[in-house]
C-alpha atoms as a PDB file:
ATOM      1  CA  MET A   1       6.874  10.068  53.018  1.00  0.00           C
ATOM      2  CA  ARG A   2       5.713  12.565  51.419  1.00  0.00           C
ATOM      3  CA  SER A   3       6.148  12.182  47.382  1.00  0.00           C
ATOM      4  CA  LYS A   4       8.416  14.940  45.450  1.00  0.00           C
ATOM      5  CA  THR A   5       4.730  14.879  43.805  1.00  0.00           C
ATOM      6  CA  ALA A   6       3.055  16.064  46.723  1.00  0.00           C
ATOM      7  CA  LEU A   7       5.444  18.690  47.802  1.00  0.00           C
ATOM      8  CA  ALA A   8       5.025  19.961  44.476  1.00  0.00           C
ATOM      9  CA  PRO A   9       3.518  23.383  45.284  1.00  0.00           C
ATOM     10  CA  SER A  10       0.198  23.901  43.813  1.00  0.00           C
ATOM     11  CA  GLY A  11       0.094  24.533  39.929  1.00  0.00           C
ATOM     12  CA  VAL A  12       3.769  23.828  39.567  1.00  0.00           C
ATOM     13  CA  TYR A  13       4.083  19.932  38.137  1.00  0.00           C
ATOM     14  CA  PRO A  14       6.992  17.850  38.712  1.00  0.00           C
ATOM     15  CA  ARG A  15      10.337  18.046  35.789  1.00  0.00           C
ATOM     16  CA  GLY A  16       9.053  14.697  34.849  1.00  0.00           C
ATOM     17  CA  GLY A  17       5.523  14.797  33.390  1.00  0.00           C
ATOM     18  CA  PHE A  18       6.495  17.999  32.188  1.00  0.00           C
ATOM     19  CA  LEU A  19       8.894  16.193  29.887  1.00  0.00           C
ATOM     20  CA  LYS A  20       6.188  13.944  29.450  1.00  0.00           C
ATOM     21  CA  ARG A  21       3.188  16.572  28.436  1.00  0.00           C
ATOM     22  CA  ARG A  22       6.299  17.710  25.827  1.00  0.00           C
ATOM     23  CA  GLU A  23       6.713  14.211  23.989  1.00  0.00           C
ATOM     24  CA  THR A  24       3.282  13.746  23.863  1.00  0.00           C
ATOM     25  CA  THR A  25       2.606  17.744  22.465  1.00  0.00           C
ATOM     26  CA  PHE A  26       5.477  16.582  20.494  1.00  0.00           C
ATOM     27  CA  ALA A  27       3.652  13.235  18.964  1.00  0.00           C
ATOM     28  CA  TRP A  28       0.939  14.975  18.275  1.00  0.00           C
ATOM     29  CA  ALA A  29       2.631  17.833  16.392  1.00  0.00           C
ATOM     30  CA  LEU A  30       4.321  14.796  13.930  1.00  0.00           C
ATOM     31  CA  ILE A  31       1.288  12.358  13.339  1.00  0.00           C
ATOM     32  CA  LEU A  32      -0.993  15.470  12.619  1.00  0.00           C
ATOM     33  CA  PRO A  33       0.300  15.842   9.114  1.00  0.00           C
ATOM     34  CA  SER A  34      -1.168  12.499   8.680  1.00  0.00           C
ATOM     35  CA  PHE A  35      -4.379  12.915   9.961  1.00  0.00           C
ATOM     36  CA  VAL A  36      -4.913  15.967   8.039  1.00  0.00           C
ATOM     37  CA  PHE A  37      -3.873  14.211   5.182  1.00  0.00           C
ATOM     38  CA  ILE A  38      -5.715  11.163   4.765  1.00  0.00           C
ATOM     39  CA  GLY A  39      -8.340  13.174   5.625  1.00  0.00           C
ATOM     40  CA  VAL A  40      -8.620  15.738   2.630  1.00  0.00           C
ATOM     41  CA  ILE A  41      -7.684  11.915   0.967  1.00  0.00           C
ATOM     42  CA  ILE A  42      -9.746   9.887   2.106  1.00  0.00           C
ATOM     43  CA  PHE A  43     -12.800  11.144   4.226  1.00  0.00           C
ATOM     44  CA  TYR A  44     -13.440  14.063   2.284  1.00  0.00           C
ATOM     45  CA  PRO A  45     -14.185  11.864  -0.454  1.00  0.00           C
ATOM     46  CA  MET A  46     -16.012   9.326   1.246  1.00  0.00           C
ATOM     47  CA  GLY A  47     -18.033  11.921   3.335  1.00  0.00           C
ATOM     48  CA  LEU A  48     -18.579  13.742   0.084  1.00  0.00           C
ATOM     49  CA  SER A  49     -20.000   9.955  -2.285  1.00  0.00           C
ATOM     50  CA  LEU A  50     -22.244   9.255   1.105  1.00  0.00           C
ATOM     51  CA  TYR A  51     -23.756  12.762   0.515  1.00  0.00           C
ATOM     52  CA  LEU A  52     -24.240  12.409  -3.370  1.00  0.00           C
ATOM     53  CA  SER A  53     -25.982   9.297  -2.277  1.00  0.00           C
ATOM     54  CA  LEU A  54     -28.661  10.743  -0.270  1.00  0.00           C
ATOM     55  CA  PHE A  55     -29.050  13.114  -3.505  1.00  0.00           C
ATOM     56  CA  GLN A  56     -30.350  13.515  -6.663  1.00  0.00           C
ATOM     57  CA  VAL A  57     -27.489  14.545  -8.555  1.00  0.00           C
ATOM     58  CA  ASP A  58     -27.262  13.797 -12.601  1.00  0.00           C
ATOM     59  CA  LEU A  59     -26.006  16.272 -14.747  1.00  0.00           C
ATOM     60  CA  THR A  60     -28.123  15.114 -17.536  1.00  0.00           C
ATOM     61  CA  ARG A  61     -31.397  16.595 -16.148  1.00  0.00           C
ATOM     62  CA  ARG A  62     -30.296  19.440 -16.276  1.00  0.00           C
ATOM     63  CA  GLY A  63     -32.676  22.657 -14.200  1.00  0.00           C
ATOM     64  CA  ALA A  64     -33.975  19.608 -11.965  1.00  0.00           C
ATOM     65  CA  GLY A  65     -31.909  20.795  -8.782  1.00  0.00           C
ATOM     66  CA  THR A  66     -30.715  18.137  -6.451  1.00  0.00           C
ATOM     67  CA  PRO A  67     -33.379  17.268  -4.413  1.00  0.00           C
ATOM     68  CA  PHE A  68     -32.614  15.249  -1.115  1.00  0.00           C
ATOM     69  CA  VAL A  69     -33.458  11.550  -1.747  1.00  0.00           C
ATOM     70  CA  GLY A  70     -32.409  10.256   1.346  1.00  0.00           C
ATOM     71  CA  LEU A  71     -31.764   5.856   0.306  1.00  0.00           C
ATOM     72  CA  ALA A  72     -34.201   5.969  -2.896  1.00  0.00           C
ATOM     73  CA  ASN A  73     -30.885   5.900  -4.600  1.00  0.00           C
ATOM     74  CA  TYR A  74     -29.532   2.230  -2.431  1.00  0.00           C
ATOM     75  CA  VAL A  75     -33.724   0.787  -2.595  1.00  0.00           C
ATOM     76  CA  ASP A  76     -33.739   1.490  -6.550  1.00  0.00           C
ATOM     77  CA  ILE A  77     -30.284  -0.442  -7.413  1.00  0.00           C
ATOM     78  CA  LEU A  78     -31.598  -3.224  -5.052  1.00  0.00           C
ATOM     79  CA  LYS A  79     -34.456  -3.637  -7.027  1.00  0.00           C
ATOM     80  CA  SER A  80     -32.830  -3.850 -10.497  1.00  0.00           C
ATOM     81  CA  GLY A  81     -32.005  -6.444 -11.903  1.00  0.00           C
ATOM     82  CA  TYR A  82     -28.557  -5.030 -13.367  1.00  0.00           C
ATOM     83  CA  PHE A  83     -27.250  -4.038 -10.382  1.00  0.00           C
ATOM     84  CA  TRP A  84     -27.726  -8.127  -9.255  1.00  0.00           C
ATOM     85  CA  SER A  85     -26.003  -9.275 -12.845  1.00  0.00           C
ATOM     86  CA  SER A  86     -23.458  -7.538 -11.850  1.00  0.00           C
ATOM     87  CA  VAL A  87     -23.127  -8.563  -8.555  1.00  0.00           C
ATOM     88  CA  GLY A  88     -23.267 -12.845  -9.997  1.00  0.00           C
ATOM     89  CA  ARG A  89     -20.374 -11.520 -12.374  1.00  0.00           C
ATOM     90  CA  THR A  90     -17.957 -10.378 -10.220  1.00  0.00           C
ATOM     91  CA  ALA A  91     -18.617 -13.395  -7.974  1.00  0.00           C
ATOM     92  CA  TYR A  92     -17.883 -15.618 -11.047  1.00  0.00           C
ATOM     93  CA  PHE A  93     -15.141 -14.001 -11.942  1.00  0.00           C
ATOM     94  CA  THR A  94     -13.781 -13.694  -8.091  1.00  0.00           C
ATOM     95  CA  VAL A  95     -14.286 -17.952  -7.586  1.00  0.00           C
ATOM     96  CA  VAL A  96     -13.214 -19.267 -10.718  1.00  0.00           C
ATOM     97  CA  SER A  97      -9.987 -16.707 -10.720  1.00  0.00           C
ATOM     98  CA  ILE A  98      -8.914 -17.320  -6.832  1.00  0.00           C
ATOM     99  CA  ALA A  99      -9.663 -21.472  -7.403  1.00  0.00           C
ATOM    100  CA  ILE A 100      -7.762 -21.581 -10.110  1.00  0.00           C
ATOM    101  CA  GLU A 101      -4.956 -19.237  -8.868  1.00  0.00           C
ATOM    102  CA  MET A 102      -4.694 -21.084  -5.466  1.00  0.00           C
ATOM    103  CA  VAL A 103      -4.032 -24.263  -6.919  1.00  0.00           C
ATOM    104  CA  LEU A 104      -1.761 -23.047  -9.348  1.00  0.00           C
ATOM    105  CA  GLY A 105      -0.020 -21.306  -6.862  1.00  0.00           C
ATOM    106  CA  LEU A 106       0.155 -23.909  -4.177  1.00  0.00           C
ATOM    107  CA  PHE A 107       1.842 -25.917  -7.124  1.00  0.00           C
ATOM    108  CA  ILE A 108       3.918 -23.770  -8.098  1.00  0.00           C
ATOM    109  CA  ALA A 109       5.217 -23.180  -4.690  1.00  0.00           C
ATOM    110  CA  LEU A 110       5.862 -26.664  -3.453  1.00  0.00           C
ATOM    111  CA  LEU A 111       8.037 -26.832  -7.005  1.00  0.00           C
ATOM    112  CA  LEU A 112       9.941 -23.972  -5.955  1.00  0.00           C
ATOM    113  CA  ASN A 113      10.215 -25.972  -1.678  1.00  0.00           C
ATOM    114  CA  GLU A 114      12.456 -28.443  -3.446  1.00  0.00           C
ATOM    115  CA  LYS A 115      16.131 -27.771  -3.806  1.00  0.00           C
ATOM    116  CA  PHE A 116      17.722 -27.930  -7.077  1.00  0.00           C
ATOM    117  CA  TRP A 117      19.486 -26.260  -9.576  1.00  0.00           C
ATOM    118  CA  GLY A 118      18.272 -22.146 -10.252  1.00  0.00           C
ATOM    119  CA  ARG A 119      15.748 -22.246  -7.743  1.00  0.00           C
ATOM    120  CA  GLY A 120      16.548 -18.587  -6.887  1.00  0.00           C
ATOM    121  CA  ILE A 121      16.660 -17.628 -10.613  1.00  0.00           C
ATOM    122  CA  LEU A 122      13.704 -18.872 -10.981  1.00  0.00           C
ATOM    123  CA  ARG A 123      11.805 -17.552  -7.579  1.00  0.00           C
ATOM    124  CA  SER A 124      13.114 -13.951  -9.001  1.00  0.00           C
ATOM    125  CA  LEU A 125      11.565 -14.803 -12.782  1.00  0.00           C
ATOM    126  CA  LEU A 126       8.219 -16.057 -10.939  1.00  0.00           C
ATOM    127  CA  LEU A 127       7.466 -12.289  -9.439  1.00  0.00           C
ATOM    128  CA  LEU A 128       7.678 -10.316 -12.846  1.00  0.00           C
ATOM    129  CA  PRO A 129       4.013 -11.117 -13.866  1.00  0.00           C
ATOM    130  CA  TRP A 130       3.216  -9.939 -10.771  1.00  0.00           C
ATOM    131  CA  ALA A 131       5.944  -7.214 -11.691  1.00  0.00           C
ATOM    132  CA  LEU A 132       3.701  -5.410 -14.728  1.00  0.00           C
ATOM    133  CA  PRO A 133       1.226  -2.775 -13.663  1.00  0.00           C
ATOM    134  CA  ILE A 134      -2.939  -3.978 -14.693  1.00  0.00           C
ATOM    135  CA  THR A 135      -2.700  -2.274 -17.405  1.00  0.00           C
ATOM    136  CA  VAL A 136       0.305  -3.199 -19.605  1.00  0.00           C
ATOM    137  CA  ASP A 137      -1.163  -7.170 -18.565  1.00  0.00           C
ATOM    138  CA  ALA A 138      -4.463  -6.606 -20.086  1.00  0.00           C
ATOM    139  CA  ILE A 139      -3.249  -4.707 -23.204  1.00  0.00           C
ATOM    140  CA  MET A 140      -0.798  -8.113 -23.509  1.00  0.00           C
ATOM    141  CA  TRP A 141      -3.339 -10.412 -23.327  1.00  0.00           C
ATOM    142  CA  LYS A 142      -5.987  -8.143 -25.011  1.00  0.00           C
ATOM    143  CA  TRP A 143      -3.261  -8.883 -27.629  1.00  0.00           C
ATOM    144  CA  ILE A 144      -2.945 -12.588 -27.041  1.00  0.00           C
ATOM    145  CA  PHE A 145      -6.966 -13.244 -27.555  1.00  0.00           C
ATOM    146  CA  ASN A 146      -7.347 -10.491 -30.699  1.00  0.00           C
ATOM    147  CA  ALA A 147      -9.135 -12.371 -33.409  1.00  0.00           C
ATOM    148  CA  ASN A 148      -6.748 -11.719 -36.534  1.00  0.00           C
ATOM    149  CA  TYR A 149      -4.078 -11.788 -35.495  1.00  0.00           C
ATOM    150  CA  GLY A 150      -3.612 -12.905 -31.705  1.00  0.00           C
ATOM    151  CA  ALA A 151      -1.126 -15.661 -30.117  1.00  0.00           C
ATOM    152  CA  PHE A 152      -3.331 -17.927 -28.619  1.00  0.00           C
ATOM    153  CA  ASN A 153      -5.642 -18.198 -31.774  1.00  0.00           C
ATOM    154  CA  ALA A 154      -1.959 -19.280 -33.912  1.00  0.00           C
ATOM    155  CA  LEU A 155      -1.230 -21.614 -31.890  1.00  0.00           C
ATOM    156  CA  LEU A 156      -4.793 -23.243 -31.456  1.00  0.00           C
ATOM    157  CA  GLN A 157      -4.430 -23.160 -34.632  1.00  0.00           C
ATOM    158  CA  GLN A 158      -1.273 -24.707 -35.187  1.00  0.00           C
ATOM    159  CA  LEU A 159      -2.527 -27.805 -33.318  1.00  0.00           C
ATOM    160  CA  GLY A 160      -5.186 -28.545 -34.738  1.00  0.00           C
ATOM    161  CA  LEU A 161      -7.446 -27.983 -32.237  1.00  0.00           C
ATOM    162  CA  ILE A 162      -9.522 -24.859 -34.463  1.00  0.00           C
ATOM    163  CA  GLU A 163      -9.654 -24.386 -37.928  1.00  0.00           C
ATOM    164  CA  LYS A 164      -9.817 -20.978 -38.333  1.00  0.00           C
ATOM    165  CA  TYR A 165      -9.004 -17.611 -36.219  1.00  0.00           C
ATOM    166  CA  GLN A 166     -12.143 -17.176 -33.401  1.00  0.00           C
ATOM    167  CA  PRO A 167     -13.119 -14.177 -31.651  1.00  0.00           C
ATOM    168  CA  TRP A 168     -12.936 -14.676 -28.158  1.00  0.00           C
ATOM    169  CA  LEU A 169     -13.451 -11.564 -26.816  1.00  0.00           C
ATOM    170  CA  THR A 170     -16.378 -11.047 -28.783  1.00  0.00           C
ATOM    171  CA  ARG A 171     -18.303 -13.937 -27.352  1.00  0.00           C
ATOM    172  CA  PRO A 172     -20.069 -13.612 -23.550  1.00  0.00           C
ATOM    173  CA  TRP A 173     -18.962 -16.931 -22.550  1.00  0.00           C
ATOM    174  CA  SER A 174     -14.977 -16.841 -23.853  1.00  0.00           C
ATOM    175  CA  ALA A 175     -14.858 -12.675 -23.242  1.00  0.00           C
ATOM    176  CA  MET A 176     -15.125 -13.782 -19.186  1.00  0.00           C
ATOM    177  CA  HIS A 177     -12.842 -16.202 -18.728  1.00  0.00           C
ATOM    178  CA  CYS A 178     -10.012 -14.750 -21.042  1.00  0.00           C
ATOM    179  CA  VAL A 179     -10.474 -12.018 -18.604  1.00  0.00           C
ATOM    180  CA  ILE A 180      -9.908 -14.666 -15.961  1.00  0.00           C
ATOM    181  CA  ALA A 181      -6.921 -16.153 -17.648  1.00  0.00           C
ATOM    182  CA  ALA A 182      -4.870 -12.478 -17.628  1.00  0.00           C
ATOM    183  CA  ASP A 183      -6.134 -12.449 -13.934  1.00  0.00           C
ATOM    184  CA  VAL A 184      -4.521 -15.303 -12.906  1.00  0.00           C
ATOM    185  CA  TRP A 185      -2.007 -14.845 -15.316  1.00  0.00           C
ATOM    186  CA  LYS A 186      -1.021 -11.477 -13.081  1.00  0.00           C
ATOM    187  CA  VAL A 187      -1.461 -13.471  -9.608  1.00  0.00           C
ATOM    188  CA  THR A 188      -0.964 -17.004  -9.648  1.00  0.00           C
ATOM    189  CA  PRO A 189       3.137 -16.175  -8.702  1.00  0.00           C
ATOM    190  CA  LEU A 190       2.744 -13.906  -5.747  1.00  0.00           C
ATOM    191  CA  VAL A 191      -0.093 -16.783  -4.715  1.00  0.00           C
ATOM    192  CA  ALA A 192       2.672 -19.178  -4.825  1.00  0.00           C
ATOM    193  CA  LEU A 193       5.268 -16.747  -2.891  1.00  0.00           C
ATOM    194  CA  LEU A 194       2.843 -16.079  -0.408  1.00  0.00           C
ATOM    195  CA  LEU A 195       2.422 -19.995   0.118  1.00  0.00           C
ATOM    196  CA  LEU A 196       5.962 -21.006  -0.012  1.00  0.00           C
ATOM    197  CA  ALA A 197       6.582 -18.854   2.935  1.00  0.00           C
ATOM    198  CA  GLY A 198       4.359 -20.456   4.634  1.00  0.00           C
ATOM    199  CA  LEU A 199       5.471 -24.051   3.313  1.00  0.00           C
ATOM    200  CA  GLN A 200       8.643 -22.255   4.668  1.00  0.00           C
ATOM    201  CA  THR A 201       7.933 -22.454   8.201  1.00  0.00           C
ATOM    202  CA  ILE A 202       6.321 -26.424   8.450  1.00  0.00           C
ATOM    203  CA  PRO A 203       9.543 -28.562   9.894  1.00  0.00           C
ATOM    204  CA  ARG A 204      10.712 -30.927   7.576  1.00  0.00           C
ATOM    205  CA  GLU A 205      10.800 -33.677  10.831  1.00  0.00           C
ATOM    206  CA  LEU A 206       7.540 -34.415   9.678  1.00  0.00           C
ATOM    207  CA  TYR A 207       7.192 -35.215   6.373  1.00  0.00           C
ATOM    208  CA  GLU A 208      10.662 -37.557   7.553  1.00  0.00           C
ATOM    209  CA  ALA A 209       8.664 -39.540   9.897  1.00  0.00           C
ATOM    210  CA  ALA A 210       5.644 -39.611   7.576  1.00  0.00           C
ATOM    211  CA  GLU A 211       7.919 -40.725   5.058  1.00  0.00           C
ATOM    212  CA  VAL A 212       9.104 -44.132   7.732  1.00  0.00           C
ATOM    213  CA  ASP A 213       5.568 -44.503   8.554  1.00  0.00           C
ATOM    214  CA  GLY A 214       5.367 -45.367   4.526  1.00  0.00           C
ATOM    215  CA  ALA A 215       3.199 -42.223   3.910  1.00  0.00           C
ATOM    216  CA  GLY A 216       3.827 -41.434  -0.191  1.00  0.00           C
ATOM    217  CA  TRP A 217       3.677 -37.683  -1.208  1.00  0.00           C
ATOM    218  CA  PHE A 218       0.003 -36.937  -1.813  1.00  0.00           C
ATOM    219  CA  ARG A 219      -1.397 -39.396   1.893  1.00  0.00           C
ATOM    220  CA  SER A 220       2.202 -36.563   3.265  1.00  0.00           C
ATOM    221  CA  LEU A 221       0.302 -33.097   1.049  1.00  0.00           C
ATOM    222  CA  TRP A 222      -2.927 -34.329   2.569  1.00  0.00           C
ATOM    223  CA  LYS A 223      -2.326 -35.057   6.297  1.00  0.00           C
ATOM    224  CA  ILE A 224       0.803 -32.711   6.422  1.00  0.00           C
ATOM    225  CA  THR A 225       1.183 -29.493   3.773  1.00  0.00           C
ATOM    226  CA  ILE A 226      -2.796 -28.397   3.481  1.00  0.00           C
ATOM    227  CA  PRO A 227      -3.639 -27.824   7.550  1.00  0.00           C
ATOM    228  CA  LEU A 228      -0.447 -26.608   8.138  1.00  0.00           C
ATOM    229  CA  LEU A 229      -0.289 -24.303   5.757  1.00  0.00           C
ATOM    230  CA  GLY A 230      -3.880 -23.674   6.035  1.00  0.00           C
ATOM    231  CA  PRO A 231      -4.136 -20.350   8.106  1.00  0.00           C
ATOM    232  CA  THR A 232      -1.522 -18.875   5.290  1.00  0.00           C
ATOM    233  CA  MET A 233      -4.469 -20.674   2.977  1.00  0.00           C
ATOM    234  CA  THR A 234      -6.467 -18.228   4.296  1.00  0.00           C
ATOM    235  CA  VAL A 235      -4.989 -14.710   4.378  1.00  0.00           C
ATOM    236  CA  VAL A 236      -4.043 -15.684   0.743  1.00  0.00           C
ATOM    237  CA  LEU A 237      -7.745 -16.825   0.673  1.00  0.00           C
ATOM    238  CA  VAL A 238      -8.805 -13.135   2.360  1.00  0.00           C
ATOM    239  CA  LEU A 239      -6.554 -11.069   0.528  1.00  0.00           C
ATOM    240  CA  ARG A 240      -7.159 -12.086  -3.040  1.00  0.00           C
ATOM    241  CA  THR A 241     -10.826 -12.414  -2.644  1.00  0.00           C
ATOM    242  CA  LEU A 242     -11.392  -8.273  -1.489  1.00  0.00           C
ATOM    243  CA  ASP A 243      -8.818  -7.764  -4.092  1.00  0.00           C
ATOM    244  CA  ALA A 244     -10.417 -10.026  -7.081  1.00  0.00           C
ATOM    245  CA  PHE A 245     -14.025  -8.608  -5.670  1.00  0.00           C
ATOM    246  CA  ARG A 246     -12.953  -5.051  -6.648  1.00  0.00           C
ATOM    247  CA  VAL A 247     -11.523  -6.403 -10.458  1.00  0.00           C
ATOM    248  CA  PHE A 248     -12.315  -3.002 -12.480  1.00  0.00           C
ATOM    249  CA  ASP A 249      -8.233  -2.222 -14.902  1.00  0.00           C
ATOM    250  CA  ILE A 250      -8.423  -5.901 -16.531  1.00  0.00           C
ATOM    251  CA  VAL A 251     -12.678  -5.577 -17.301  1.00  0.00           C
ATOM    252  CA  TYR A 252     -11.718  -1.586 -18.530  1.00  0.00           C
ATOM    253  CA  VAL A 253      -9.020  -2.193 -21.151  1.00  0.00           C
ATOM    254  CA  MET A 254      -9.916  -5.926 -21.857  1.00  0.00           C
ATOM    255  CA  THR A 255     -13.881  -5.697 -22.996  1.00  0.00           C
ATOM    256  CA  GLN A 256     -15.583  -2.348 -21.604  1.00  0.00           C
ATOM    257  CA  GLY A 257     -17.287  -4.552 -19.118  1.00  0.00           C
ATOM    258  CA  GLY A 258     -18.868  -6.094 -23.292  1.00  0.00           C
ATOM    259  CA  PRO A 259     -19.792  -8.526 -25.120  1.00  0.00           C
ATOM    260  CA  ALA A 260     -23.936  -7.447 -24.419  1.00  0.00           C
ATOM    261  CA  ASN A 261     -22.568  -6.927 -20.510  1.00  0.00           C
ATOM    262  CA  ALA A 262     -20.858 -10.371 -19.924  1.00  0.00           C
ATOM    263  CA  THR A 263     -17.877  -8.445 -18.044  1.00  0.00           C
ATOM    264  CA  LYS A 264     -19.564  -5.897 -16.599  1.00  0.00           C
ATOM    265  CA  VAL A 265     -19.198  -6.458 -12.993  1.00  0.00           C
ATOM    266  CA  ILE A 266     -20.146  -4.345 -10.460  1.00  0.00           C
ATOM    267  CA  SER A 267     -16.754  -1.843 -10.213  1.00  0.00           C
ATOM    268  CA  PHE A 268     -16.959  -1.455 -14.188  1.00  0.00           C
ATOM    269  CA  LEU A 269     -21.336  -0.782 -13.246  1.00  0.00           C
ATOM    270  CA  THR A 270     -20.288   1.896 -11.030  1.00  0.00           C
ATOM    271  CA  TYR A 271     -18.021   3.674 -13.297  1.00  0.00           C
ATOM    272  CA  GLN A 272     -20.051   3.381 -16.292  1.00  0.00           C
ATOM    273  CA  GLU A 273     -23.318   5.211 -13.955  1.00  0.00           C
ATOM    274  CA  ALA A 274     -20.907   7.920 -12.010  1.00  0.00           C
ATOM    275  CA  PHE A 275     -18.485   9.467 -15.554  1.00  0.00           C
ATOM    276  CA  LYS A 276     -20.221   7.337 -18.376  1.00  0.00           C
ATOM    277  CA  PHE A 277     -24.554   8.308 -17.380  1.00  0.00           C
ATOM    278  CA  LEU A 278     -23.312  10.941 -15.296  1.00  0.00           C
ATOM    279  CA  HIS A 279     -25.517   9.536 -12.790  1.00  0.00           C
ATOM    280  CA  PHE A 280     -23.342  10.593  -9.704  1.00  0.00           C
ATOM    281  CA  SER A 281     -25.522   9.442  -6.519  1.00  0.00           C
ATOM    282  CA  ARG A 282     -26.706   6.528  -8.073  1.00  0.00           C
ATOM    283  CA  GLY A 283     -22.303   6.098  -8.901  1.00  0.00           C
ATOM    284  CA  ALA A 284     -21.661   7.166  -5.189  1.00  0.00           C
ATOM    285  CA  ALA A 285     -24.314   4.827  -3.542  1.00  0.00           C
ATOM    286  CA  LEU A 286     -22.899   1.754  -5.560  1.00  0.00           C
ATOM    287  CA  SER A 287     -19.687   2.431  -4.151  1.00  0.00           C
ATOM    288  CA  TYR A 288     -20.749   2.139  -0.894  1.00  0.00           C
ATOM    289  CA  LEU A 289     -22.904  -0.778  -1.657  1.00  0.00           C
ATOM    290  CA  ILE A 290     -19.492  -2.149  -3.012  1.00  0.00           C
ATOM    291  CA  THR A 291     -18.573  -1.002   0.157  1.00  0.00           C
ATOM    292  CA  LEU A 292     -21.165  -2.553   2.172  1.00  0.00           C
ATOM    293  CA  ILE A 293     -20.453  -6.189   1.085  1.00  0.00           C
ATOM    294  CA  VAL A 294     -16.255  -6.059   0.714  1.00  0.00           C
ATOM    295  CA  ALA A 295     -16.762  -5.143   5.102  1.00  0.00           C
ATOM    296  CA  ILE A 296     -19.435  -8.474   5.032  1.00  0.00           C
ATOM    297  CA  LEU A 297     -16.759 -10.575   2.912  1.00  0.00           C
ATOM    298  CA  ALA A 298     -14.205  -9.751   5.050  1.00  0.00           C
ATOM    299  CA  LEU A 299     -16.447 -10.143   8.537  1.00  0.00           C
ATOM    300  CA  LEU A 300     -16.632 -13.324   7.518  1.00  0.00           C
ATOM    301  CA  TYR A 301     -12.812 -14.488   6.704  1.00  0.00           C
ATOM    302  CA  THR A 302     -11.753 -12.411   9.885  1.00  0.00           C
ATOM    303  CA  ARG A 303     -14.193 -14.796  12.240  1.00  0.00           C
ATOM    304  CA  ALA A 304     -13.483 -18.268  10.071  1.00  0.00           C
ATOM    305  CA  MET A 305      -9.904 -16.990  11.062  1.00  0.00           C
ATOM    306  CA  LYS A 306     -10.166 -16.830  14.456  1.00  0.00           C
ATOM    307  CA  ARG A 307     -12.216 -20.052  14.541  1.00  0.00           C
ATOM    308  CA  GLN A 308      -9.602 -21.740  12.745  1.00  0.00           C
ATOM    309  CA  VAL A 309      -6.562 -20.102  15.078  1.00  0.00           C
ATOM    310  CA  GLU A 310      -8.751 -21.391  17.498  1.00  0.00           C
ATOM    311  CA  TYR A 311      -8.956 -24.448  16.615  1.00  0.00           C
END
């Protein structure tokens, strides 16, 4: 028996095929503005920055033109010591801040996972630091660590730990840790809530069985909670690493990369090259190097997550 499609005259489509084509055209018409918007907002700047990174664009050298230099900007940056120093500072900030946030976030999540009066209110209040804009958070902590009237100095002096107020933000060693403290205070609540969501997926029967077997709190934490919370912790670790490695706002407000470049992370270095020293080509090359580093980290974490799911 011949189908209706075969009986259709040449060049005439069945009604179902015509409607499908109309739906496809209508769908593309709806999506096209989004593609145009993304192209203008994202892909055009990316293409322009890649173009700039291959030329010598320096507004401090008037009349020098914009000669094509290929990968010379990338090579010069990779050979420079200041680039690797900024990468090292960024890596230190990332590792220390995430380690503290994961530990504090886990214990806060364990606390909020227990049943007690006011737990819902406490969960809501926990989000307040995260809800604050990063700039507000940085300004607040800059005041807290102020050398003349900061609350941190006042607290330490009242506890008898220091004799006089200390300039925490003007000392290379302490300045980085002040920035880390500001980041930890803001981000730890988010980490805690994400881990709390993972904790609530663990069956209570496992803890009850472990308690019957005589396992204590720490053994249950080590043998049940952490292994079953592993996928959630990995996701949080991935998100925080990618975010922390691109830190800029807190550094810009609190220390401006100082003192003595102690907090000049790679994002702040990129900002200085492009917008302070007007070396647009080097700034564009640095931005792509940051993108490459973040992409490599994302790839490594993705493979680790895939391997963890397989096991």
